[in-house]
């Protein structure tokens, strides 16, 4: 009991330190950008931030909805022999440069958010699939046998034993995919989709350092904030099991 309380206190302490570090970094970056830049571009920043979150949100939902079931399927005995070959299907978005993927998506779906979401999904799905697969493969055989001994079906064992134990690694894949996604989304500006790239690329073209810096800082802070959110949610989910991330 005391060990669990100490562990939970440690998790809260680490989470508090992470929040404090992000807050300090946020203050430093905002001071670097400057209040005049924020006043000048605050409406555009808010619009582009929402558009960026729209692209990231839908593409990540699609990547999770695709990657987790695919990782589960590849970890099953009948597919595990061919898992590495089949995994290459999901590696397309990481093998081909992001800009080329965006152009190919543009050729299929035209200009706008649709091809951007497709390209971001392709860039994000492999880490989730890979980590789901590896997390499930690393669940100790003793746990699987114990679940069978308790009379669980394969489906019950999957959801009650395997996935909970694979959750830290699975969520590690989500964090990796999210970082790639948020960092790639500004490129969507090049195919006509609104994102924080709407600040970055015009800033480059027009040699407007303030606008460029604002877009880059906003992208970095968004990546940090979303990563911190995923960590907090994962720790909350693991708290009842005494797990750690």
C-alpha atoms as a PDB file:
ATOM      1  CA  UNK A   1       0.000   0.000   0.000  1.00  0.00           C
ATOM      2  CA  UNK A   2       2.758   2.431   0.971  1.00  0.00           C
ATOM      3  CA  UNK A   3       4.672   1.495  -2.175  1.00  0.00           C
ATOM      4  CA  UNK A   4       1.643   2.274  -4.374  1.00  0.00           C
ATOM      5  CA  UNK A   5       1.105   5.612  -2.642  1.00  0.00           C
ATOM      6  CA  UNK A   6       4.776   6.473  -3.072  1.00  0.00           C
ATOM      7  CA  UNK A   7       4.599   5.497  -6.750  1.00  0.00           C
ATOM      8  CA  UNK A   8       1.517   7.656  -7.341  1.00  0.00           C
ATOM      9  CA  UNK A   9       3.137  10.570  -5.544  1.00  0.00           C
ATOM     10  CA  UNK A  10       6.203  10.157  -7.739  1.00  0.00           C
ATOM     11  CA  UNK A  11       4.056  10.186 -10.872  1.00  0.00           C
ATOM     12  CA  UNK A  12       2.290  13.358  -9.744  1.00  0.00           C
ATOM     13  CA  UNK A  13       5.653  14.953  -8.954  1.00  0.00           C
ATOM     14  CA  UNK A  14       7.059  14.113 -12.387  1.00  0.00           C
ATOM     15  CA  UNK A  15       3.885  15.337 -14.083  1.00  0.00           C
ATOM     16  CA  UNK A  16       4.060  18.565 -12.073  1.00  0.00           C
ATOM     17  CA  UNK A  17       7.671  19.076 -13.126  1.00  0.00           C
ATOM     18  CA  UNK A  18       6.716  18.502 -16.765  1.00  0.00           C
ATOM     19  CA  UNK A  19       3.888  21.050 -16.552  1.00  0.00           C
ATOM     20  CA  UNK A  20       6.199  23.567 -14.860  1.00  0.00           C
ATOM     21  CA  UNK A  21       8.889  23.031 -17.502  1.00  0.00           C
ATOM     22  CA  UNK A  22       6.370  23.556 -20.320  1.00  0.00           C
ATOM     23  CA  UNK A  23       5.046  26.696 -18.596  1.00  0.00           C
ATOM     24  CA  UNK A  24       8.574  28.137 -18.279  1.00  0.00           C
ATOM     25  CA  UNK A  25       9.343  27.256 -21.895  1.00  0.00           C
ATOM     26  CA  UNK A  26       6.063  28.824 -23.013  1.00  0.00           C
ATOM     27  CA  UNK A  27       6.857  32.058 -21.173  1.00  0.00           C
ATOM     28  CA  UNK A  28      10.375  32.150 -22.636  1.00  0.00           C
ATOM     29  CA  UNK A  29       9.176  31.542 -26.192  1.00  0.00           C
ATOM     30  CA  UNK A  30       6.379  34.095 -25.922  1.00  0.00           C
ATOM     31  CA  UNK A  31       8.889  36.636 -24.656  1.00  0.00           C
ATOM     32  CA  UNK A  32      11.136  35.744 -27.604  1.00  0.00           C
ATOM     33  CA  UNK A  33       8.293  36.208 -30.123  1.00  0.00           C
ATOM     34  CA  UNK A  34       7.291  39.491 -28.494  1.00  0.00           C
ATOM     35  CA  UNK A  35       3.927  41.007 -27.571  1.00  0.00           C
ATOM     36  CA  UNK A  36       3.771  43.165 -30.714  1.00  0.00           C
ATOM     37  CA  UNK A  37       3.913  40.083 -32.952  1.00  0.00           C
ATOM     38  CA  UNK A  38       1.188  38.400 -30.919  1.00  0.00           C
ATOM     39  CA  UNK A  39      -1.061  41.456 -31.180  1.00  0.00           C
ATOM     40  CA  UNK A  40      -0.492  41.728 -34.923  1.00  0.00           C
ATOM     41  CA  UNK A  41      -1.119  38.075 -35.754  1.00  0.00           C
ATOM     42  CA  UNK A  42      -3.376  36.867 -32.916  1.00  0.00           C
ATOM     43  CA  UNK A  43      -6.463  36.367 -35.127  1.00  0.00           C
ATOM     44  CA  UNK A  44      -4.506  34.543 -37.823  1.00  0.00           C
ATOM     45  CA  UNK A  45      -2.693  32.480 -35.189  1.00  0.00           C
ATOM     46  CA  UNK A  46      -5.961  31.374 -33.588  1.00  0.00           C
ATOM     47  CA  UNK A  47      -7.478  30.449 -36.969  1.00  0.00           C
ATOM     48  CA  UNK A  48      -4.390  28.530 -38.115  1.00  0.00           C
ATOM     49  CA  UNK A  49      -4.056  26.766 -34.760  1.00  0.00           C
ATOM     50  CA  UNK A  50      -7.623  25.454 -34.995  1.00  0.00           C
ATOM     51  CA  UNK A  51      -7.018  24.356 -38.592  1.00  0.00           C
ATOM     52  CA  UNK A  52      -3.793  22.620 -37.518  1.00  0.00           C
ATOM     53  CA  UNK A  53      -5.607  20.787 -34.718  1.00  0.00           C
ATOM     54  CA  UNK A  54      -8.319  19.747 -37.181  1.00  0.00           C
ATOM     55  CA  UNK A  55      -5.767  18.096 -39.463  1.00  0.00           C
ATOM     56  CA  UNK A  56      -3.869  16.481 -36.594  1.00  0.00           C
ATOM     57  CA  UNK A  57      -7.025  15.315 -34.807  1.00  0.00           C
ATOM     58  CA  UNK A  58      -8.674  13.578 -37.742  1.00  0.00           C
ATOM     59  CA  UNK A  59      -5.468  12.040 -39.103  1.00  0.00           C
ATOM     60  CA  UNK A  60      -4.470  10.739 -35.643  1.00  0.00           C
ATOM     61  CA  UNK A  61      -7.938   9.259 -35.061  1.00  0.00           C
ATOM     62  CA  UNK A  62      -7.647   7.500 -38.413  1.00  0.00           C
ATOM     63  CA  UNK A  63      -4.108   6.303 -37.594  1.00  0.00           C
ATOM     64  CA  UNK A  64      -5.189   4.916 -34.201  1.00  0.00           C
ATOM     65  CA  UNK A  65      -8.319   3.316 -35.684  1.00  0.00           C
ATOM     66  CA  UNK A  66      -6.113   1.649 -38.317  1.00  0.00           C
ATOM     67  CA  UNK A  67      -2.868   1.011 -36.474  1.00  0.00           C
ATOM     68  CA  UNK A  68      -4.172  -0.569 -33.256  1.00  0.00           C
ATOM     69  CA  UNK A  69      -6.355  -3.222 -34.968  1.00  0.00           C
ATOM     70  CA  UNK A  70      -3.558  -3.887 -37.483  1.00  0.00           C
ATOM     71  CA  UNK A  71      -1.022  -4.340 -34.677  1.00  0.00           C
ATOM     72  CA  UNK A  72      -3.397  -6.685 -32.861  1.00  0.00           C
ATOM     73  CA  UNK A  73      -3.979  -8.718 -36.022  1.00  0.00           C
ATOM     74  CA  UNK A  74      -0.269  -9.001 -36.822  1.00  0.00           C
ATOM     75  CA  UNK A  75       0.468 -10.218 -33.275  1.00  0.00           C
ATOM     76  CA  UNK A  76      -1.902 -13.190 -33.617  1.00  0.00           C
ATOM     77  CA  UNK A  77      -0.232 -16.580 -34.142  1.00  0.00           C
ATOM     78  CA  UNK A  78      -1.518 -17.080 -37.682  1.00  0.00           C
ATOM     79  CA  UNK A  79      -0.031 -13.758 -38.901  1.00  0.00           C
ATOM     80  CA  UNK A  80       3.067 -13.332 -36.736  1.00  0.00           C
ATOM     81  CA  UNK A  81       5.279 -15.234 -39.204  1.00  0.00           C
ATOM     82  CA  UNK A  82       4.481 -12.680 -41.919  1.00  0.00           C
ATOM     83  CA  UNK A  83       4.253  -9.639 -39.619  1.00  0.00           C
ATOM     84  CA  UNK A  84       7.486  -7.944 -40.713  1.00  0.00           C
ATOM     85  CA  UNK A  85       6.626  -8.228 -44.409  1.00  0.00           C
ATOM     86  CA  UNK A  86       3.082  -6.996 -43.857  1.00  0.00           C
ATOM     87  CA  UNK A  87       4.387  -4.154 -41.690  1.00  0.00           C
ATOM     88  CA  UNK A  88       6.029  -2.665 -44.779  1.00  0.00           C
ATOM     89  CA  UNK A  89       2.571  -1.775 -46.076  1.00  0.00           C
ATOM     90  CA  UNK A  90       2.317   0.766 -43.256  1.00  0.00           C
ATOM     91  CA  UNK A  91       5.856   1.990 -43.887  1.00  0.00           C
ATOM     92  CA  UNK A  92       4.927   3.755 -47.124  1.00  0.00           C
ATOM     93  CA  UNK A  93       4.252   7.089 -45.447  1.00  0.00           C
ATOM     94  CA  UNK A  94       7.654   6.999 -43.694  1.00  0.00           C
ATOM     95  CA  UNK A  95       9.740   5.712 -46.597  1.00  0.00           C
ATOM     96  CA  UNK A  96       8.538   8.334 -49.079  1.00  0.00           C
ATOM     97  CA  UNK A  97       9.409  11.964 -48.151  1.00  0.00           C
ATOM     98  CA  UNK A  98       6.511  13.846 -46.549  1.00  0.00           C
ATOM     99  CA  UNK A  99       6.310  16.408 -49.342  1.00  0.00           C
ATOM    100  CA  UNK A 100       6.109  13.656 -51.971  1.00  0.00           C
ATOM    101  CA  UNK A 101       3.314  11.951 -50.014  1.00  0.00           C
ATOM    102  CA  UNK A 102       1.424  15.260 -49.912  1.00  0.00           C
ATOM    103  CA  UNK A 103       1.818  15.688 -53.672  1.00  0.00           C
ATOM    104  CA  UNK A 104       0.597  12.140 -54.333  1.00  0.00           C
ATOM    105  CA  UNK A 105      -2.390  12.716 -52.032  1.00  0.00           C
ATOM    106  CA  UNK A 106      -3.060  15.964 -53.888  1.00  0.00           C
ATOM    107  CA  UNK A 107      -3.099  14.079 -57.194  1.00  0.00           C
ATOM    108  CA  UNK A 108      -5.719  11.676 -55.815  1.00  0.00           C
ATOM    109  CA  UNK A 109      -7.979  13.978 -53.776  1.00  0.00           C
ATOM    110  CA  UNK A 110      -7.229  17.483 -55.028  1.00  0.00           C
ATOM    111  CA  UNK A 111      -6.460  20.612 -53.019  1.00  0.00           C
ATOM    112  CA  UNK A 112      -7.507  21.099 -49.400  1.00  0.00           C
ATOM    113  CA  UNK A 113      -7.760  19.303 -46.085  1.00  0.00           C
ATOM    114  CA  UNK A 114      -8.641  15.875 -47.521  1.00  0.00           C
ATOM    115  CA  UNK A 115      -5.248  15.063 -49.059  1.00  0.00           C
ATOM    116  CA  UNK A 116      -3.485  16.599 -46.052  1.00  0.00           C
ATOM    117  CA  UNK A 117      -5.337  14.280 -43.663  1.00  0.00           C
ATOM    118  CA  UNK A 118      -4.559  11.299 -45.913  1.00  0.00           C
ATOM    119  CA  UNK A 119      -0.848  12.161 -46.019  1.00  0.00           C
ATOM    120  CA  UNK A 120      -0.679  12.744 -42.251  1.00  0.00           C
ATOM    121  CA  UNK A 121      -2.446   9.435 -41.645  1.00  0.00           C
ATOM    122  CA  UNK A 122       0.143   7.646 -43.794  1.00  0.00           C
ATOM    123  CA  UNK A 123       2.946   9.347 -41.855  1.00  0.00           C
ATOM    124  CA  UNK A 124       1.439   8.422 -38.471  1.00  0.00           C
ATOM    125  CA  UNK A 125       0.141   4.885 -38.820  1.00  0.00           C
ATOM    126  CA  UNK A 126       3.435   2.919 -38.723  1.00  0.00           C
ATOM    127  CA  UNK A 127       4.595   3.853 -35.165  1.00  0.00           C
ATOM    128  CA  UNK A 128       1.179   2.953 -33.763  1.00  0.00           C
ATOM    129  CA  UNK A 129       1.020  -0.345 -35.639  1.00  0.00           C
ATOM    130  CA  UNK A 130       4.595  -1.260 -34.744  1.00  0.00           C
ATOM    131  CA  UNK A 131       4.304  -0.424 -31.047  1.00  0.00           C
ATOM    132  CA  UNK A 132       0.948  -2.171 -30.693  1.00  0.00           C
ATOM    133  CA  UNK A 133       2.443  -5.283 -32.265  1.00  0.00           C
ATOM    134  CA  UNK A 134       5.622  -5.186 -30.160  1.00  0.00           C
ATOM    135  CA  UNK A 135       3.712  -4.425 -26.955  1.00  0.00           C
ATOM    136  CA  UNK A 136       1.429  -7.416 -27.435  1.00  0.00           C
ATOM    137  CA  UNK A 137       4.292  -9.716 -28.376  1.00  0.00           C
ATOM    138  CA  UNK A 138       6.101  -8.803 -25.143  1.00  0.00           C
ATOM    139  CA  UNK A 139       3.214  -9.747 -22.855  1.00  0.00           C
ATOM    140  CA  UNK A 140       4.596 -12.645 -20.775  1.00  0.00           C
ATOM    141  CA  UNK A 141       3.345 -16.071 -21.786  1.00  0.00           C
ATOM    142  CA  UNK A 142       2.568 -16.772 -18.129  1.00  0.00           C
ATOM    143  CA  UNK A 143      -0.080 -14.053 -18.181  1.00  0.00           C
ATOM    144  CA  UNK A 144      -1.660 -15.498 -21.311  1.00  0.00           C
ATOM    145  CA  UNK A 145      -1.715 -18.967 -19.774  1.00  0.00           C
ATOM    146  CA  UNK A 146      -3.189 -17.595 -16.536  1.00  0.00           C
ATOM    147  CA  UNK A 147      -5.977 -15.915 -18.526  1.00  0.00           C
ATOM    148  CA  UNK A 148      -6.714 -19.216 -20.274  1.00  0.00           C
ATOM    149  CA  UNK A 149      -6.641 -21.030 -16.927  1.00  0.00           C
ATOM    150  CA  UNK A 150      -9.249 -18.594 -15.586  1.00  0.00           C
ATOM    151  CA  UNK A 151     -11.561 -19.563 -18.419  1.00  0.00           C
ATOM    152  CA  UNK A 152     -11.203 -16.397 -20.505  1.00  0.00           C
ATOM    153  CA  UNK A 153     -11.875 -16.542 -24.215  1.00  0.00           C
ATOM    154  CA  UNK A 154      -9.214 -15.195 -26.597  1.00  0.00           C
ATOM    155  CA  UNK A 155     -11.140 -11.954 -26.967  1.00  0.00           C
ATOM    156  CA  UNK A 156     -11.497 -11.542 -23.197  1.00  0.00           C
ATOM    157  CA  UNK A 157      -7.799 -12.268 -22.690  1.00  0.00           C
ATOM    158  CA  UNK A 158      -6.920  -9.714 -25.344  1.00  0.00           C
ATOM    159  CA  UNK A 159      -8.923  -6.881 -23.772  1.00  0.00           C
ATOM    160  CA  UNK A 160      -8.445  -7.770 -20.096  1.00  0.00           C
ATOM    161  CA  UNK A 161      -4.843  -8.982 -20.056  1.00  0.00           C
ATOM    162  CA  UNK A 162      -2.866  -8.344 -23.239  1.00  0.00           C
ATOM    163  CA  UNK A 163      -3.890  -4.810 -24.204  1.00  0.00           C
ATOM    164  CA  UNK A 164      -3.650  -3.401 -20.639  1.00  0.00           C
ATOM    165  CA  UNK A 165      -0.114  -4.767 -20.359  1.00  0.00           C
ATOM    166  CA  UNK A 166       0.805  -3.509 -23.836  1.00  0.00           C
ATOM    167  CA  UNK A 167      -0.644  -0.050 -23.158  1.00  0.00           C
ATOM    168  CA  UNK A 168       2.623   1.742 -22.216  1.00  0.00           C
ATOM    169  CA  UNK A 169       4.326   0.676 -25.441  1.00  0.00           C
ATOM    170  CA  UNK A 170       1.185   1.293 -27.499  1.00  0.00           C
ATOM    171  CA  UNK A 171       0.919   4.833 -26.171  1.00  0.00           C
ATOM    172  CA  UNK A 172       4.620   5.319 -26.852  1.00  0.00           C
ATOM    173  CA  UNK A 173       3.765   4.693 -30.501  1.00  0.00           C
ATOM    174  CA  UNK A 174       0.938   7.233 -30.290  1.00  0.00           C
ATOM    175  CA  UNK A 175       3.349   9.822 -28.878  1.00  0.00           C
ATOM    176  CA  UNK A 176       5.861   9.188 -31.676  1.00  0.00           C
ATOM    177  CA  UNK A 177       3.126   9.377 -34.317  1.00  0.00           C
ATOM    178  CA  UNK A 178       1.748  12.561 -32.782  1.00  0.00           C
ATOM    179  CA  UNK A 179       5.153  14.268 -32.845  1.00  0.00           C
ATOM    180  CA  UNK A 180       5.616  13.318 -36.518  1.00  0.00           C
ATOM    181  CA  UNK A 181       2.072  14.420 -37.316  1.00  0.00           C
ATOM    182  CA  UNK A 182       2.248  17.838 -35.663  1.00  0.00           C
ATOM    183  CA  UNK A 183       5.659  18.530 -37.209  1.00  0.00           C
ATOM    184  CA  UNK A 184       4.547  17.494 -40.711  1.00  0.00           C
ATOM    185  CA  UNK A 185       1.178  19.285 -40.705  1.00  0.00           C
ATOM    186  CA  UNK A 186       2.649  22.735 -41.569  1.00  0.00           C
ATOM    187  CA  UNK A 187       3.570  21.308 -44.986  1.00  0.00           C
ATOM    188  CA  UNK A 188      -0.162  21.006 -45.695  1.00  0.00           C
ATOM    189  CA  UNK A 189      -0.058  24.728 -46.571  1.00  0.00           C
ATOM    190  CA  UNK A 190       1.725  23.742 -49.792  1.00  0.00           C
ATOM    191  CA  UNK A 191      -1.332  21.819 -51.032  1.00  0.00           C
ATOM    192  CA  UNK A 192      -3.922  24.398 -50.016  1.00  0.00           C
ATOM    193  CA  UNK A 193      -4.820  23.278 -46.486  1.00  0.00           C
ATOM    194  CA  UNK A 194      -4.783  25.753 -43.609  1.00  0.00           C
ATOM    195  CA  UNK A 195      -2.359  25.006 -40.775  1.00  0.00           C
ATOM    196  CA  UNK A 196       0.376  26.764 -38.848  1.00  0.00           C
ATOM    197  CA  UNK A 197       2.331  26.512 -42.078  1.00  0.00           C
ATOM    198  CA  UNK A 198       0.183  29.458 -43.216  1.00  0.00           C
ATOM    199  CA  UNK A 199       2.361  31.535 -40.911  1.00  0.00           C
ATOM    200  CA  UNK A 200       5.653  29.748 -41.535  1.00  0.00           C
ATOM    201  CA  UNK A 201       5.882  29.640 -45.338  1.00  0.00           C
ATOM    202  CA  UNK A 202       4.754  33.211 -46.083  1.00  0.00           C
ATOM    203  CA  UNK A 203       7.205  34.271 -43.392  1.00  0.00           C
ATOM    204  CA  UNK A 204       9.951  32.504 -45.359  1.00  0.00           C
ATOM    205  CA  UNK A 205       8.851  33.879 -48.738  1.00  0.00           C
ATOM    206  CA  UNK A 206       8.479  37.456 -47.495  1.00  0.00           C
ATOM    207  CA  UNK A 207      11.516  37.330 -45.176  1.00  0.00           C
ATOM    208  CA  UNK A 208       9.178  38.159 -42.292  1.00  0.00           C
ATOM    209  CA  UNK A 209      11.080  36.748 -39.332  1.00  0.00           C
ATOM    210  CA  UNK A 210       8.379  37.628 -36.786  1.00  0.00           C
ATOM    211  CA  UNK A 211       5.659  35.713 -38.664  1.00  0.00           C
ATOM    212  CA  UNK A 212       7.976  32.780 -39.334  1.00  0.00           C
ATOM    213  CA  UNK A 213       9.060  32.610 -35.708  1.00  0.00           C
ATOM    214  CA  UNK A 214       5.475  32.786 -34.454  1.00  0.00           C
ATOM    215  CA  UNK A 215       4.415  29.844 -36.632  1.00  0.00           C
ATOM    216  CA  UNK A 216       7.442  27.758 -35.668  1.00  0.00           C
ATOM    217  CA  UNK A 217       7.070  28.471 -31.953  1.00  0.00           C
ATOM    218  CA  UNK A 218       3.339  27.726 -32.048  1.00  0.00           C
ATOM    219  CA  UNK A 219       4.033  24.380 -33.766  1.00  0.00           C
ATOM    220  CA  UNK A 220       6.671  23.443 -31.190  1.00  0.00           C
ATOM    221  CA  UNK A 221       4.460  24.390 -28.248  1.00  0.00           C
ATOM    222  CA  UNK A 222       1.514  22.496 -29.708  1.00  0.00           C
ATOM    223  CA  UNK A 223       3.656  19.364 -30.042  1.00  0.00           C
ATOM    224  CA  UNK A 224       4.812  19.705 -26.422  1.00  0.00           C
ATOM    225  CA  UNK A 225       1.295  20.338 -25.106  1.00  0.00           C
ATOM    226  CA  UNK A 226      -0.233  17.380 -26.951  1.00  0.00           C
ATOM    227  CA  UNK A 227       2.583  15.075 -25.858  1.00  0.00           C
ATOM    228  CA  UNK A 228       2.073  16.148 -22.256  1.00  0.00           C
ATOM    229  CA  UNK A 229      -1.658  15.487 -22.598  1.00  0.00           C
ATOM    230  CA  UNK A 230      -1.059  11.959 -23.918  1.00  0.00           C
ATOM    231  CA  UNK A 231       1.385  11.258 -21.081  1.00  0.00           C
ATOM    232  CA  UNK A 232      -1.128  12.483 -18.490  1.00  0.00           C
ATOM    233  CA  UNK A 233      -3.948  10.392 -19.978  1.00  0.00           C
ATOM    234  CA  UNK A 234      -1.746   7.299 -20.133  1.00  0.00           C
ATOM    235  CA  UNK A 235      -0.574   7.691 -16.552  1.00  0.00           C
ATOM    236  CA  UNK A 236      -4.184   8.105 -15.476  1.00  0.00           C
ATOM    237  CA  UNK A 237      -5.127   4.896 -17.270  1.00  0.00           C
ATOM    238  CA  UNK A 238      -2.191   3.035 -15.691  1.00  0.00           C
ATOM    239  CA  UNK A 239      -2.653   4.457 -12.200  1.00  0.00           C
ATOM    240  CA  UNK A 240      -5.142   1.784 -11.151  1.00  0.00           C
ATOM    241  CA  UNK A 241      -2.764  -0.948 -12.304  1.00  0.00           C
ATOM    242  CA  UNK A 242       0.329   0.518 -10.645  1.00  0.00           C
ATOM    243  CA  UNK A 243       2.004   0.916 -14.035  1.00  0.00           C
ATOM    244  CA  UNK A 244       4.362   3.681 -15.056  1.00  0.00           C
ATOM    245  CA  UNK A 245       5.238   5.517 -18.204  1.00  0.00           C
END
